[in-house]
Amino acid sequence: AGAPTGPHTHNGPVFGVVLEGTAHVQVDGGPVQQLGPGE
């Protein structure tokens, strides 16, 4: 909680699924998405 990863890039694509909590995700200046478990 409270530990942001900060702006970053990856050297390849990343696929994922939220297991616990809510992910706040913003890609390339787009809208912030809130993703819950299973998303």
Full PDB file with SEQRES, HELIX, SHEET, SSBOND, CRYST1, ORIGX, SCALE, CONECT and MASTER records, all heavy atoms in Angstrom:
SEQRES   1 A   39  ALA GLY ALA PRO THR GLY PRO HIS THR HIS ASN GLY PRO          
SEQRES   2 A   39  VAL PHE GLY VAL VAL LEU GLU GLY THR ALA HIS VAL GLN          
SEQRES   3 A   39  VAL ASP GLY GLY PRO VAL GLN GLN LEU GLY PRO GLY GLU          
SHEET    1 AA1 2 ALA A  23  VAL A  25  0                                        
SHEET    2 AA1 2 GLN A  33  LEU A  35 -1                                        
CRYST1    1.000    1.000    1.000  90.00  90.00  90.00 P 1           1          
ORIGX1      1.000000  0.000000  0.000000        0.00000                         
ORIGX2      0.000000  1.000000  0.000000        0.00000                         
ORIGX3      0.000000  0.000000  1.000000        0.00000                         
SCALE1      1.000000  0.000000  0.000000        0.00000                         
SCALE2      0.000000  1.000000  0.000000        0.00000                         
SCALE3      0.000000  0.000000  1.000000        0.00000                         
ATOM      1  N   ALA A   1       0.842  -1.196   0.000  1.00  0.00           N  
ATOM      2  CA  ALA A   1       0.000   0.000   0.000  1.00  0.00           C  
ATOM      3  C   ALA A   1       0.879   1.248   0.000  1.00  0.00           C  
ATOM      4  O   ALA A   1       1.884   1.313   0.715  1.00  0.00           O  
ATOM      5  CB  ALA A   1      -0.914   0.005   1.220  1.00  0.00           C  
ATOM      6  N   GLY A   2       0.532   2.212  -0.840  1.00  0.00           N  
ATOM      7  CA  GLY A   2       1.242   3.478  -0.888  1.00  0.00           C  
ATOM      8  C   GLY A   2       2.591   3.438  -1.584  1.00  0.00           C  
ATOM      9  O   GLY A   2       3.320   4.423  -1.571  1.00  0.00           O  
ATOM     10  N   ALA A   3       2.958   2.322  -2.188  1.00  0.00           N  
ATOM     11  CA  ALA A   3       4.258   2.202  -2.858  1.00  0.00           C  
ATOM     12  C   ALA A   3       4.067   2.231  -4.369  1.00  0.00           C  
ATOM     13  O   ALA A   3       3.885   1.199  -4.997  1.00  0.00           O  
ATOM     14  CB  ALA A   3       4.945   0.899  -2.442  1.00  0.00           C  
ATOM     15  N   PRO A   4       4.117   3.434  -4.970  1.00  0.00           N  
ATOM     16  CA  PRO A   4       3.965   3.501  -6.424  1.00  0.00           C  
ATOM     17  C   PRO A   4       5.196   2.964  -7.139  1.00  0.00           C  
ATOM     18  O   PRO A   4       6.303   3.041  -6.608  1.00  0.00           O  
ATOM     19  CB  PRO A   4       3.784   4.994  -6.699  1.00  0.00           C  
ATOM     20  CG  PRO A   4       4.502   5.658  -5.570  1.00  0.00           C  
ATOM     21  CD  PRO A   4       4.321   4.748  -4.374  1.00  0.00           C  
ATOM     22  N   THR A   5       5.008   2.404  -8.320  1.00  0.00           N  
ATOM     23  CA  THR A   5       6.152   1.932  -9.099  1.00  0.00           C  
ATOM     24  C   THR A   5       6.785   3.090  -9.855  1.00  0.00           C  
ATOM     25  O   THR A   5       7.929   2.996 -10.270  1.00  0.00           O  
ATOM     26  CB  THR A   5       5.727   0.856 -10.115  1.00  0.00           C  
ATOM     27  OG1 THR A   5       4.716   1.392 -10.959  1.00  0.00           O  
ATOM     28  CG2 THR A   5       5.222  -0.382  -9.409  1.00  0.00           C  
ATOM     29  N   GLY A   6       6.065   4.181 -10.016  1.00  0.00           N  
ATOM     30  CA  GLY A   6       6.579   5.328 -10.758  1.00  0.00           C  
ATOM     31  C   GLY A   6       6.500   5.087 -12.253  1.00  0.00           C  
ATOM     32  O   GLY A   6       6.320   3.955 -12.712  1.00  0.00           O  
ATOM     33  N   PRO A   7       6.642   6.144 -13.035  1.00  0.00           N  
ATOM     34  CA  PRO A   7       6.603   6.008 -14.489  1.00  0.00           C  
ATOM     35  C   PRO A   7       7.723   5.074 -14.959  1.00  0.00           C  
ATOM     36  O   PRO A   7       8.841   5.135 -14.450  1.00  0.00           O  
ATOM     37  CB  PRO A   7       6.827   7.430 -15.000  1.00  0.00           C  
ATOM     38  CG  PRO A   7       6.491   8.315 -13.851  1.00  0.00           C  
ATOM     39  CD  PRO A   7       6.818   7.538 -12.618  1.00  0.00           C  
ATOM     40  N   HIS A   8       7.389   4.223 -15.932  1.00  0.00           N  
ATOM     41  CA  HIS A   8       8.377   3.254 -16.411  1.00  0.00           C  
ATOM     42  C   HIS A   8       7.990   2.727 -17.781  1.00  0.00           C  
ATOM     43  O   HIS A   8       6.902   2.997 -18.271  1.00  0.00           O  
ATOM     44  CB  HIS A   8       8.523   2.094 -15.418  1.00  0.00           C  
ATOM     45  CG  HIS A   8       7.268   1.291 -15.236  1.00  0.00           C  
ATOM     46  ND1 HIS A   8       6.247   1.672 -14.381  1.00  0.00           N  
ATOM     47  CD2 HIS A   8       6.853   0.128 -15.798  1.00  0.00           C  
ATOM     48  CE1 HIS A   8       5.277   0.779 -14.420  1.00  0.00           C  
ATOM     49  NE2 HIS A   8       5.606  -0.177 -15.286  1.00  0.00           N  
ATOM     50  N   THR A   9       8.906   1.979 -18.365  1.00  0.00           N  
ATOM     51  CA  THR A   9       8.636   1.216 -19.583  1.00  0.00           C  
ATOM     52  C   THR A   9       9.163  -0.194 -19.360  1.00  0.00           C  
ATOM     53  O   THR A   9       9.929  -0.453 -18.426  1.00  0.00           O  
ATOM     54  CB  THR A   9       9.334   1.817 -20.833  1.00  0.00           C  
ATOM     55  OG1 THR A   9      10.742   1.825 -20.603  1.00  0.00           O  
ATOM     56  CG2 THR A   9       8.838   3.209 -21.143  1.00  0.00           C  
ATOM     57  N   HIS A  10       8.753  -1.102 -20.226  1.00  0.00           N  
ATOM     58  CA  HIS A  10       9.260  -2.476 -20.213  1.00  0.00           C  
ATOM     59  C   HIS A  10       9.921  -2.744 -21.557  1.00  0.00           C  
ATOM     60  O   HIS A  10       9.576  -2.137 -22.569  1.00  0.00           O  
ATOM     61  CB  HIS A  10       8.119  -3.481 -20.004  1.00  0.00           C  
ATOM     62  CG  HIS A  10       7.503  -3.403 -18.647  1.00  0.00           C  
ATOM     63  ND1 HIS A  10       8.046  -4.007 -17.546  1.00  0.00           N  
ATOM     64  CD2 HIS A  10       6.377  -2.781 -18.219  1.00  0.00           C  
ATOM     65  CE1 HIS A  10       7.290  -3.771 -16.488  1.00  0.00           C  
ATOM     66  NE2 HIS A  10       6.263  -3.022 -16.869  1.00  0.00           N  
ATOM     67  N   ASN A  11      10.857  -3.683 -21.575  1.00  0.00           N  
ATOM     68  CA  ASN A  11      11.544  -4.024 -22.821  1.00  0.00           C  
ATOM     69  C   ASN A  11      10.757  -5.007 -23.680  1.00  0.00           C  
ATOM     70  O   ASN A  11      11.241  -5.471 -24.700  1.00  0.00           O  
ATOM     71  CB  ASN A  11      12.952  -4.564 -22.542  1.00  0.00           C  
ATOM     72  CG  ASN A  11      12.957  -5.833 -21.724  1.00  0.00           C  
ATOM     73  OD1 ASN A  11      12.025  -6.125 -20.985  1.00  0.00           O  
ATOM     74  ND2 ASN A  11      14.029  -6.591 -21.822  1.00  0.00           N  
ATOM     75  N   GLY A  12       9.560  -5.308 -23.282  1.00  0.00           N  
ATOM     76  CA  GLY A  12       8.658  -6.165 -24.034  1.00  0.00           C  
ATOM     77  C   GLY A  12       7.268  -6.031 -23.458  1.00  0.00           C  
ATOM     78  O   GLY A  12       7.065  -5.341 -22.456  1.00  0.00           O  
ATOM     79  N   PRO A  13       6.287  -6.677 -24.044  1.00  0.00           N  
ATOM     80  CA  PRO A  13       4.920  -6.574 -23.537  1.00  0.00           C  
ATOM     81  C   PRO A  13       4.771  -7.295 -22.198  1.00  0.00           C  
ATOM     82  O   PRO A  13       5.553  -8.187 -21.869  1.00  0.00           O  
ATOM     83  CB  PRO A  13       4.086  -7.254 -24.616  1.00  0.00           C  
ATOM     84  CG  PRO A  13       5.026  -8.202 -25.277  1.00  0.00           C  
ATOM     85  CD  PRO A  13       6.378  -7.551 -25.216  1.00  0.00           C  
ATOM     86  N   VAL A  14       3.758  -6.876 -21.449  1.00  0.00           N  
ATOM     87  CA  VAL A  14       3.428  -7.508 -20.168  1.00  0.00           C  
ATOM     88  C   VAL A  14       1.935  -7.795 -20.165  1.00  0.00           C  
ATOM     89  O   VAL A  14       1.129  -6.914 -20.455  1.00  0.00           O  
ATOM     90  CB  VAL A  14       3.780  -6.599 -18.972  1.00  0.00           C  
ATOM     91  CG1 VAL A  14       3.438  -7.291 -17.661  1.00  0.00           C  
ATOM     92  CG2 VAL A  14       5.238  -6.173 -19.006  1.00  0.00           C  
ATOM     93  N   PHE A  15       1.589  -9.028 -19.833  1.00  0.00           N  
ATOM     94  CA  PHE A  15       0.200  -9.439 -19.665  1.00  0.00           C  
ATOM     95  C   PHE A  15       0.006  -9.771 -18.198  1.00  0.00           C  
ATOM     96  O   PHE A  15       0.913 -10.340 -17.583  1.00  0.00           O  
ATOM     97  CB  PHE A  15      -0.103 -10.695 -20.491  1.00  0.00           C  
ATOM     98  CG  PHE A  15       0.052 -10.496 -21.962  1.00  0.00           C  
ATOM     99  CD1 PHE A  15       1.289 -10.636 -22.571  1.00  0.00           C  
ATOM    100  CD2 PHE A  15      -1.040 -10.179 -22.745  1.00  0.00           C  
ATOM    101  CE1 PHE A  15       1.440 -10.453 -23.937  1.00  0.00           C  
ATOM    102  CE2 PHE A  15      -0.904  -9.996 -24.112  1.00  0.00           C  
ATOM    103  CZ  PHE A  15       0.339 -10.139 -24.707  1.00  0.00           C  
ATOM    104  N   GLY A  16      -1.141  -9.448 -17.625  1.00  0.00           N  
ATOM    105  CA  GLY A  16      -1.318  -9.760 -16.225  1.00  0.00           C  
ATOM    106  C   GLY A  16      -2.753  -9.900 -15.812  1.00  0.00           C  
ATOM    107  O   GLY A  16      -3.681  -9.568 -16.559  1.00  0.00           O  
ATOM    108  N   VAL A  17      -2.918 -10.381 -14.572  1.00  0.00           N  
ATOM    109  CA  VAL A  17      -4.231 -10.503 -13.944  1.00  0.00           C  
ATOM    110  C   VAL A  17      -4.085 -10.120 -12.478  1.00  0.00           C  
ATOM    111  O   VAL A  17      -3.143 -10.532 -11.801  1.00  0.00           O  
ATOM    112  CB  VAL A  17      -4.828 -11.930 -14.112  1.00  0.00           C  
ATOM    113  CG1 VAL A  17      -3.959 -12.984 -13.453  1.00  0.00           C  
ATOM    114  CG2 VAL A  17      -6.249 -11.984 -13.572  1.00  0.00           C  
ATOM    115  N   VAL A  18      -5.009  -9.293 -12.001  1.00  0.00           N  
ATOM    116  CA  VAL A  18      -5.020  -8.861 -10.609  1.00  0.00           C  
ATOM    117  C   VAL A  18      -5.541 -10.010  -9.753  1.00  0.00           C  
ATOM    118  O   VAL A  18      -6.574 -10.614 -10.064  1.00  0.00           O  
ATOM    119  CB  VAL A  18      -5.906  -7.609 -10.431  1.00  0.00           C  
ATOM    120  CG1 VAL A  18      -6.023  -7.227  -8.970  1.00  0.00           C  
ATOM    121  CG2 VAL A  18      -5.370  -6.456 -11.267  1.00  0.00           C  
ATOM    122  N   LEU A  19      -4.813 -10.312  -8.677  1.00  0.00           N  
ATOM    123  CA  LEU A  19      -5.247 -11.354  -7.738  1.00  0.00           C  
ATOM    124  C   LEU A  19      -5.894 -10.750  -6.500  1.00  0.00           C  
ATOM    125  O   LEU A  19      -6.910 -11.252  -6.021  1.00  0.00           O  
ATOM    126  CB  LEU A  19      -4.059 -12.222  -7.311  1.00  0.00           C  
ATOM    127  CG  LEU A  19      -3.347 -13.006  -8.404  1.00  0.00           C  
ATOM    128  CD1 LEU A  19      -2.174 -13.764  -7.816  1.00  0.00           C  
ATOM    129  CD2 LEU A  19      -4.311 -13.955  -9.104  1.00  0.00           C  
ATOM    130  N   GLU A  20      -5.279  -9.687  -5.941  1.00  0.00           N  
ATOM    131  CA  GLU A  20      -5.781  -9.054  -4.720  1.00  0.00           C  
ATOM    132  C   GLU A  20      -5.608  -7.552  -4.825  1.00  0.00           C  
ATOM    133  O   GLU A  20      -4.614  -7.074  -5.370  1.00  0.00           O  
ATOM    134  CB  GLU A  20      -4.990  -9.542  -3.495  1.00  0.00           C  
ATOM    135  CG  GLU A  20      -5.054 -11.029  -3.244  1.00  0.00           C  
ATOM    136  CD  GLU A  20      -4.114 -11.458  -2.126  1.00  0.00           C  
ATOM    137  OE1 GLU A  20      -3.701 -10.610  -1.300  1.00  0.00           O  
ATOM    138  OE2 GLU A  20      -3.770 -12.648  -2.095  1.00  0.00           O  
ATOM    139  N   GLY A  21      -6.556  -6.799  -4.290  1.00  0.00           N  
ATOM    140  CA  GLY A  21      -6.471  -5.349  -4.298  1.00  0.00           C  
ATOM    141  C   GLY A  21      -7.025  -4.753  -5.574  1.00  0.00           C  
ATOM    142  O   GLY A  21      -7.704  -5.419  -6.359  1.00  0.00           O  
ATOM    143  N   THR A  22      -6.728  -3.472  -5.765  1.00  0.00           N  
ATOM    144  CA  THR A  22      -7.157  -2.749  -6.952  1.00  0.00           C  
ATOM    145  C   THR A  22      -5.940  -2.139  -7.617  1.00  0.00           C  
ATOM    146  O   THR A  22      -5.168  -1.429  -6.959  1.00  0.00           O  
ATOM    147  CB  THR A  22      -8.147  -1.619  -6.588  1.00  0.00           C  
ATOM    148  OG1 THR A  22      -9.292  -2.197  -5.960  1.00  0.00           O  
ATOM    149  CG2 THR A  22      -8.602  -0.848  -7.818  1.00  0.00           C  
ATOM    150  N   ALA A  23      -5.749  -2.414  -8.893  1.00  0.00           N  
ATOM    151  CA  ALA A  23      -4.650  -1.830  -9.657  1.00  0.00           C  
ATOM    152  C   ALA A  23      -5.113  -0.525 -10.277  1.00  0.00           C  
ATOM    153  O   ALA A  23      -6.188  -0.461 -10.873  1.00  0.00           O  
ATOM    154  CB  ALA A  23      -4.184  -2.790 -10.752  1.00  0.00           C  
ATOM    155  N   HIS A  24      -4.303   0.511 -10.121  1.00  0.00           N  
ATOM    156  CA  HIS A  24      -4.527   1.797 -10.776  1.00  0.00           C  
ATOM    157  C   HIS A  24      -3.511   1.861 -11.907  1.00  0.00           C  
ATOM    158  O   HIS A  24      -2.304   1.947 -11.664  1.00  0.00           O  
ATOM    159  CB  HIS A  24      -4.331   2.948  -9.792  1.00  0.00           C  
ATOM    160  CG  HIS A  24      -5.224   2.845  -8.598  1.00  0.00           C  
ATOM    161  ND1 HIS A  24      -6.494   3.368  -8.581  1.00  0.00           N  
ATOM    162  CD2 HIS A  24      -5.038   2.237  -7.401  1.00  0.00           C  
ATOM    163  CE1 HIS A  24      -7.048   3.110  -7.402  1.00  0.00           C  
ATOM    164  NE2 HIS A  24      -6.195   2.429  -6.681  1.00  0.00           N  
ATOM    165  N   VAL A  25      -3.998   1.794 -13.145  1.00  0.00           N  
ATOM    166  CA  VAL A  25      -3.131   1.631 -14.309  1.00  0.00           C  
ATOM    167  C   VAL A  25      -3.376   2.767 -15.294  1.00  0.00           C  
ATOM    168  O   VAL A  25      -4.517   3.041 -15.659  1.00  0.00           O  
ATOM    169  CB  VAL A  25      -3.415   0.282 -15.021  1.00  0.00           C  
ATOM    170  CG1 VAL A  25      -2.470   0.081 -16.188  1.00  0.00           C  
ATOM    171  CG2 VAL A  25      -3.338  -0.884 -14.046  1.00  0.00           C  
ATOM    172  N   GLN A  26      -2.267   3.398 -15.730  1.00  0.00           N  
ATOM    173  CA  GLN A  26      -2.363   4.421 -16.767  1.00  0.00           C  
ATOM    174  C   GLN A  26      -1.265   4.152 -17.787  1.00  0.00           C  
ATOM    175  O   GLN A  26      -0.079   4.150 -17.455  1.00  0.00           O  
ATOM    176  CB  GLN A  26      -2.203   5.822 -16.191  1.00  0.00           C  
ATOM    177  CG  GLN A  26      -2.389   6.916 -17.235  1.00  0.00           C  
ATOM    178  CD  GLN A  26      -2.214   8.300 -16.657  1.00  0.00           C  
ATOM    179  OE1 GLN A  26      -1.494   8.492 -15.687  1.00  0.00           O  
ATOM    180  NE2 GLN A  26      -2.876   9.268 -17.267  1.00  0.00           N  
ATOM    181  N   VAL A  27      -1.661   3.918 -19.035  1.00  0.00           N  
ATOM    182  CA  VAL A  27      -0.736   3.591 -20.116  1.00  0.00           C  
ATOM    183  C   VAL A  27      -0.687   4.745 -21.113  1.00  0.00           C  
ATOM    184  O   VAL A  27      -1.720   5.160 -21.633  1.00  0.00           O  
ATOM    185  CB  VAL A  27      -1.164   2.286 -20.831  1.00  0.00           C  
ATOM    186  CG1 VAL A  27      -0.240   1.984 -22.004  1.00  0.00           C  
ATOM    187  CG2 VAL A  27      -1.194   1.117 -19.859  1.00  0.00           C  
ATOM    188  N   ASP A  28       0.508   5.261 -21.344  1.00  0.00           N  
ATOM    189  CA  ASP A  28       0.779   6.248 -22.393  1.00  0.00           C  
ATOM    190  C   ASP A  28      -0.170   7.450 -22.347  1.00  0.00           C  
ATOM    191  O   ASP A  28      -0.725   7.864 -23.372  1.00  0.00           O  
ATOM    192  CB  ASP A  28       0.734   5.584 -23.761  1.00  0.00           C  
ATOM    193  CG  ASP A  28       1.474   6.384 -24.829  1.00  0.00           C  
ATOM    194  OD1 ASP A  28       2.277   7.264 -24.473  1.00  0.00           O  
ATOM    195  OD2 ASP A  28       1.241   6.126 -26.024  1.00  0.00           O  
ATOM    196  N   GLY A  29      -0.386   8.003 -21.151  1.00  0.00           N  
ATOM    197  CA  GLY A  29      -1.214   9.199 -21.012  1.00  0.00           C  
ATOM    198  C   GLY A  29      -2.705   8.984 -21.126  1.00  0.00           C  
ATOM    199  O   GLY A  29      -3.474   9.944 -21.095  1.00  0.00           O  
ATOM    200  N   GLY A  30      -3.131   7.731 -21.257  1.00  0.00           N  
ATOM    201  CA  GLY A  30      -4.568   7.431 -21.348  1.00  0.00           C  
ATOM    202  C   GLY A  30      -5.252   7.581 -20.006  1.00  0.00           C  
ATOM    203  O   GLY A  30      -4.643   8.007 -19.017  1.00  0.00           O  
ATOM    204  N   PRO A  31      -6.520   7.222 -19.939  1.00  0.00           N  
ATOM    205  CA  PRO A  31      -7.245   7.322 -18.676  1.00  0.00           C  
ATOM    206  C   PRO A  31      -6.714   6.315 -17.650  1.00  0.00           C  
ATOM    207  O   PRO A  31      -6.203   5.253 -18.014  1.00  0.00           O  
ATOM    208  CB  PRO A  31      -8.692   6.984 -19.062  1.00  0.00           C  
ATOM    209  CG  PRO A  31      -8.565   6.179 -20.306  1.00  0.00           C  
ATOM    210  CD  PRO A  31      -7.338   6.676 -21.019  1.00  0.00           C  
ATOM    211  N   VAL A  32      -6.828   6.661 -16.370  1.00  0.00           N  
ATOM    212  CA  VAL A  32      -6.454   5.731 -15.305  1.00  0.00           C  
ATOM    213  C   VAL A  32      -7.555   4.685 -15.197  1.00  0.00           C  
ATOM    214  O   VAL A  32      -8.732   5.022 -15.064  1.00  0.00           O  
ATOM    215  CB  VAL A  32      -6.263   6.457 -13.956  1.00  0.00           C  
ATOM    216  CG1 VAL A  32      -5.996   5.453 -12.843  1.00  0.00           C  
ATOM    217  CG2 VAL A  32      -5.132   7.470 -14.049  1.00  0.00           C  
ATOM    218  N   GLN A  33      -7.177   3.423 -15.304  1.00  0.00           N  
ATOM    219  CA  GLN A  33      -8.118   2.317 -15.146  1.00  0.00           C  
ATOM    220  C   GLN A  33      -7.988   1.756 -13.737  1.00  0.00           C  
ATOM    221  O   GLN A  33      -6.885   1.709 -13.199  1.00  0.00           O  
ATOM    222  CB  GLN A  33      -7.801   1.199 -16.130  1.00  0.00           C  
ATOM    223  CG  GLN A  33      -7.889   1.591 -17.579  1.00  0.00           C  
ATOM    224  CD  GLN A  33      -7.479   0.423 -18.458  1.00  0.00           C  
ATOM    225  OE1 GLN A  33      -7.840  -0.724 -18.220  1.00  0.00           O  
ATOM    226  NE2 GLN A  33      -6.689   0.722 -19.474  1.00  0.00           N  
ATOM    227  N   GLN A  34      -9.096   1.329 -13.162  1.00  0.00           N  
ATOM    228  CA  GLN A  34      -9.072   0.644 -11.873  1.00  0.00           C  
ATOM    229  C   GLN A  34      -9.509  -0.789 -12.122  1.00  0.00           C  
ATOM    230  O   GLN A  34     -10.627  -1.022 -12.581  1.00  0.00           O  
ATOM    231  CB  GLN A  34      -9.981   1.342 -10.876  1.00  0.00           C  
ATOM    232  CG  GLN A  34      -9.439   2.717 -10.507  1.00  0.00           C  
ATOM    233  CD  GLN A  34     -10.203   3.341  -9.357  1.00  0.00           C  
ATOM    234  OE1 GLN A  34     -10.834   2.651  -8.564  1.00  0.00           O  
ATOM    235  NE2 GLN A  34     -10.120   4.644  -9.249  1.00  0.00           N  
ATOM    236  N   LEU A  35      -8.609  -1.718 -11.830  1.00  0.00           N  
ATOM    237  CA  LEU A  35      -8.853  -3.135 -12.094  1.00  0.00           C  
ATOM    238  C   LEU A  35      -8.878  -3.912 -10.798  1.00  0.00           C  
ATOM    239  O   LEU A  35      -7.960  -3.793  -9.975  1.00  0.00           O  
ATOM    240  CB  LEU A  35      -7.762  -3.694 -13.012  1.00  0.00           C  
ATOM    241  CG  LEU A  35      -7.530  -2.939 -14.322  1.00  0.00           C  
ATOM    242  CD1 LEU A  35      -6.333  -3.530 -15.056  1.00  0.00           C  
ATOM    243  CD2 LEU A  35      -8.772  -2.982 -15.186  1.00  0.00           C  
ATOM    244  N   GLY A  36      -9.899  -4.739 -10.620  1.00  0.00           N  
ATOM    245  CA  GLY A  36     -10.030  -5.548  -9.418  1.00  0.00           C  
ATOM    246  C   GLY A  36      -9.635  -6.994  -9.658  1.00  0.00           C  
ATOM    247  O   GLY A  36      -9.248  -7.381 -10.774  1.00  0.00           O  
ATOM    248  N   PRO A  37      -9.737  -7.813  -8.620  1.00  0.00           N  
ATOM    249  CA  PRO A  37      -9.364  -9.223  -8.734  1.00  0.00           C  
ATOM    250  C   PRO A  37     -10.062  -9.913  -9.908  1.00  0.00           C  
ATOM    251  O   PRO A  37     -11.256  -9.731 -10.134  1.00  0.00           O  
ATOM    252  CB  PRO A  37      -9.819  -9.809  -7.397  1.00  0.00           C  
ATOM    253  CG  PRO A  37      -9.724  -8.649  -6.453  1.00  0.00           C  
ATOM    254  CD  PRO A  37     -10.168  -7.465  -7.272  1.00  0.00           C  
ATOM    255  N   GLY A  38      -9.266 -10.642 -10.676  1.00  0.00           N  
ATOM    256  CA  GLY A  38      -9.777 -11.369 -11.831  1.00  0.00           C  
ATOM    257  C   GLY A  38      -9.722 -10.580 -13.124  1.00  0.00           C  
ATOM    258  O   GLY A  38      -9.911 -11.141 -14.199  1.00  0.00           O  
ATOM    259  N   GLU A  39      -9.461  -9.283 -13.049  1.00  0.00           N  
ATOM    260  CA  GLU A  39      -9.405  -8.470 -14.264  1.00  0.00           C  
ATOM    261  C   GLU A  39      -7.993  -8.493 -14.847  1.00  0.00           C  
ATOM    262  O   GLU A  39      -7.005  -8.534 -14.113  1.00  0.00           O  
ATOM    263  CB  GLU A  39      -9.854  -7.044 -13.988  1.00  0.00           C  
ATOM    264  CG  GLU A  39     -11.336  -6.979 -13.649  1.00  0.00           C  
ATOM    265  CD  GLU A  39     -11.848  -5.569 -13.550  1.00  0.00           C  
ATOM    266  OE1 GLU A  39     -11.561  -4.904 -12.540  1.00  0.00           O  
ATOM    267  OE2 GLU A  39     -12.536  -5.123 -14.503  1.00  0.00           O  
TER     268      GLU A  39                                                      
MASTER        0    0    0    0    2    0    0    6  267    1    0    3          
END                                                                             
